[in-house]
Amino acid sequence: MPKRLTIGPLGEHDDHWLTLWAALTGKSKASLATAVVGVRVKQHKATIQELLEHSAKLRGMTSEDLFNALIANPRYLEENPIADGNGHDDGIELGAEKMSQI
């Protein structure tokens, strides 16, 4: 069973529109928010997969191994950075750049 996800509060404008949407459709705000997050994850699954494969390759792992490591510990990449000769972490920089496009 998936774990509950806690998110920060919405801005007033978005909260008002979510409230209206929920009232007009007879659904709860929570169920609508869950549906929206699910749709966005599906829309960006290919990009997420690319990031997973790239990050796994940098660490000499399979994407399946990295997937399992991240599910077990979402901070795995922070705790296991790949530093180049200049002290930069190309994997995290690439991931941040890609994710900022989402």
C-alpha atoms as a PDB file:
ATOM      1  CA  MET A   1       0.000   0.000   0.000  1.00  0.00           C
ATOM      2  CA  PRO A   2       1.436   3.403  -0.933  1.00  0.00           C
ATOM      3  CA  LYS A   3       2.374   5.732   1.876  1.00  0.00           C
ATOM      4  CA  ARG A   4       0.571   9.002   2.524  1.00  0.00           C
ATOM      5  CA  LEU A   5       2.195  12.010   0.957  1.00  0.00           C
ATOM      6  CA  THR A   6       2.206  15.285   2.805  1.00  0.00           C
ATOM      7  CA  ILE A   7       2.521  18.417   0.701  1.00  0.00           C
ATOM      8  CA  GLY A   8       2.766  22.039   1.664  1.00  0.00           C
ATOM      9  CA  PRO A   9      -0.306  24.231   1.587  1.00  0.00           C
ATOM     10  CA  LEU A  10      -1.591  25.505  -1.726  1.00  0.00           C
ATOM     11  CA  GLY A  11      -1.675  29.179  -2.450  1.00  0.00           C
ATOM     12  CA  GLU A  12      -4.988  30.875  -1.787  1.00  0.00           C
ATOM     13  CA  HIS A  13      -5.899  31.092  -5.474  1.00  0.00           C
ATOM     14  CA  ASP A  14      -5.202  27.402  -6.178  1.00  0.00           C
ATOM     15  CA  ASP A  15      -6.932  26.335  -2.979  1.00  0.00           C
ATOM     16  CA  HIS A  16     -10.071  28.258  -3.950  1.00  0.00           C
ATOM     17  CA  TRP A  17     -10.163  26.692  -7.408  1.00  0.00           C
ATOM     18  CA  LEU A  18      -9.507  23.204  -6.008  1.00  0.00           C
ATOM     19  CA  THR A  19     -12.346  23.766  -3.521  1.00  0.00           C
ATOM     20  CA  LEU A  20     -14.668  24.756  -6.361  1.00  0.00           C
ATOM     21  CA  TRP A  21     -13.588  21.810  -8.497  1.00  0.00           C
ATOM     22  CA  ALA A  22     -14.210  19.413  -5.630  1.00  0.00           C
ATOM     23  CA  ALA A  23     -17.621  20.892  -4.852  1.00  0.00           C
ATOM     24  CA  LEU A  24     -18.706  20.839  -8.490  1.00  0.00           C
ATOM     25  CA  THR A  25     -17.626  17.233  -9.035  1.00  0.00           C
ATOM     26  CA  GLY A  26     -18.723  15.898  -5.660  1.00  0.00           C
ATOM     27  CA  LYS A  27     -15.218  14.751  -4.798  1.00  0.00           C
ATOM     28  CA  SER A  28     -12.869  15.629  -1.988  1.00  0.00           C
ATOM     29  CA  LYS A  29      -9.961  18.001  -2.473  1.00  0.00           C
ATOM     30  CA  ALA A  30      -7.629  15.202  -1.410  1.00  0.00           C
ATOM     31  CA  SER A  31      -8.893  12.789  -4.070  1.00  0.00           C
ATOM     32  CA  LEU A  32      -8.588  15.453  -6.768  1.00  0.00           C
ATOM     33  CA  ALA A  33      -5.057  16.345  -5.660  1.00  0.00           C
ATOM     34  CA  THR A  34      -4.108  12.660  -5.705  1.00  0.00           C
ATOM     35  CA  ALA A  35      -5.461  12.321  -9.249  1.00  0.00           C
ATOM     36  CA  VAL A  36      -3.568  15.410 -10.428  1.00  0.00           C
ATOM     37  CA  VAL A  37      -0.274  14.159  -8.998  1.00  0.00           C
ATOM     38  CA  GLY A  38      -0.827  10.742 -10.581  1.00  0.00           C
ATOM     39  CA  VAL A  39      -1.481  12.274 -13.996  1.00  0.00           C
ATOM     40  CA  ARG A  40       1.643  14.443 -13.800  1.00  0.00           C
ATOM     41  CA  VAL A  41       3.835  11.485 -12.800  1.00  0.00           C
ATOM     42  CA  LYS A  42       2.505   9.502 -15.789  1.00  0.00           C
ATOM     43  CA  GLN A  43       3.125  12.466 -18.112  1.00  0.00           C
ATOM     44  CA  HIS A  44       6.769  12.667 -17.031  1.00  0.00           C
ATOM     45  CA  LYS A  45       7.516   8.966 -16.615  1.00  0.00           C
ATOM     46  CA  ALA A  46       9.816   8.878 -19.671  1.00  0.00           C
ATOM     47  CA  THR A  47      11.898  11.790 -18.329  1.00  0.00           C
ATOM     48  CA  ILE A  48      12.052  10.202 -14.889  1.00  0.00           C
ATOM     49  CA  GLN A  49      13.183   6.918 -16.497  1.00  0.00           C
ATOM     50  CA  GLU A  50      15.910   8.789 -18.418  1.00  0.00           C
ATOM     51  CA  LEU A  51      17.153  10.374 -15.203  1.00  0.00           C
ATOM     52  CA  LEU A  52      17.105   7.003 -13.469  1.00  0.00           C
ATOM     53  CA  GLU A  53      19.113   5.343 -16.238  1.00  0.00           C
ATOM     54  CA  HIS A  54      21.634   8.189 -16.398  1.00  0.00           C
ATOM     55  CA  SER A  55      22.115   8.295 -12.626  1.00  0.00           C
ATOM     56  CA  ALA A  56      22.487   4.502 -12.474  1.00  0.00           C
ATOM     57  CA  LYS A  57      25.074   4.519 -15.260  1.00  0.00           C
ATOM     58  CA  LEU A  58      27.135   7.163 -13.436  1.00  0.00           C
ATOM     59  CA  ARG A  59      27.183   4.911 -10.374  1.00  0.00           C
ATOM     60  CA  GLY A  60      27.945   1.693 -12.254  1.00  0.00           C
ATOM     61  CA  MET A  61      24.541   0.259 -11.338  1.00  0.00           C
ATOM     62  CA  THR A  62      21.583  -1.040 -13.273  1.00  0.00           C
ATOM     63  CA  SER A  63      18.530   1.199 -13.380  1.00  0.00           C
ATOM     64  CA  GLU A  64      16.651  -1.554 -11.522  1.00  0.00           C
ATOM     65  CA  ASP A  65      19.217  -1.533  -8.699  1.00  0.00           C
ATOM     66  CA  LEU A  66      19.053   2.251  -8.412  1.00  0.00           C
ATOM     67  CA  PHE A  67      15.239   2.141  -8.545  1.00  0.00           C
ATOM     68  CA  ASN A  68      15.219  -0.271  -5.600  1.00  0.00           C
ATOM     69  CA  ALA A  69      17.816   1.780  -3.694  1.00  0.00           C
ATOM     70  CA  LEU A  70      15.755   4.967  -4.137  1.00  0.00           C
ATOM     71  CA  ILE A  71      12.509   3.284  -3.108  1.00  0.00           C
ATOM     72  CA  ALA A  72      14.219   1.997   0.041  1.00  0.00           C
ATOM     73  CA  ASN A  73      15.996   5.314   0.715  1.00  0.00           C
ATOM     74  CA  PRO A  74      14.837   8.428  -1.215  1.00  0.00           C
ATOM     75  CA  ARG A  75      18.023  10.226  -0.071  1.00  0.00           C
ATOM     76  CA  TYR A  76      20.277   7.615  -1.705  1.00  0.00           C
ATOM     77  CA  LEU A  77      21.611  10.015  -4.361  1.00  0.00           C
ATOM     78  CA  GLU A  78      22.401  12.687  -1.776  1.00  0.00           C
ATOM     79  CA  GLU A  79      24.213  10.142   0.359  1.00  0.00           C
ATOM     80  CA  ASN A  80      26.055   8.585  -2.609  1.00  0.00           C
ATOM     81  CA  PRO A  81      27.092  11.459  -4.904  1.00  0.00           C
ATOM     82  CA  ILE A  82      29.257  10.959  -7.958  1.00  0.00           C
ATOM     83  CA  ALA A  83      31.923  13.649  -7.878  1.00  0.00           C
ATOM     84  CA  ASP A  84      33.972  14.473 -10.960  1.00  0.00           C
ATOM     85  CA  GLY A  85      37.499  15.859 -10.793  1.00  0.00           C
ATOM     86  CA  ASN A  86      36.127  19.371 -10.088  1.00  0.00           C
ATOM     87  CA  GLY A  87      33.969  18.354  -7.151  1.00  0.00           C
ATOM     88  CA  HIS A  88      30.741  18.661  -9.145  1.00  0.00           C
ATOM     89  CA  ASP A  89      28.050  16.037  -9.164  1.00  0.00           C
ATOM     90  CA  ASP A  90      26.977  15.756 -12.800  1.00  0.00           C
ATOM     91  CA  GLY A  91      24.159  13.338 -12.017  1.00  0.00           C
ATOM     92  CA  ILE A  92      22.443  15.622  -9.525  1.00  0.00           C
ATOM     93  CA  GLU A  93      22.983  18.694 -11.722  1.00  0.00           C
ATOM     94  CA  LEU A  94      21.454  16.904 -14.705  1.00  0.00           C
ATOM     95  CA  GLY A  95      18.592  15.674 -12.571  1.00  0.00           C
ATOM     96  CA  ALA A  96      17.881  19.137 -11.186  1.00  0.00           C
ATOM     97  CA  GLU A  97      17.968  20.627 -14.693  1.00  0.00           C
ATOM     98  CA  LYS A  98      15.624  17.976 -16.105  1.00  0.00           C
ATOM     99  CA  MET A  99      13.239  18.122 -13.156  1.00  0.00           C
ATOM    100  CA  SER A 100      13.042  21.923 -13.321  1.00  0.00           C
ATOM    101  CA  GLN A 101      11.572  21.500 -16.807  1.00  0.00           C
ATOM    102  CA  ILE A 102       8.660  19.475 -15.431  1.00  0.00           C
END
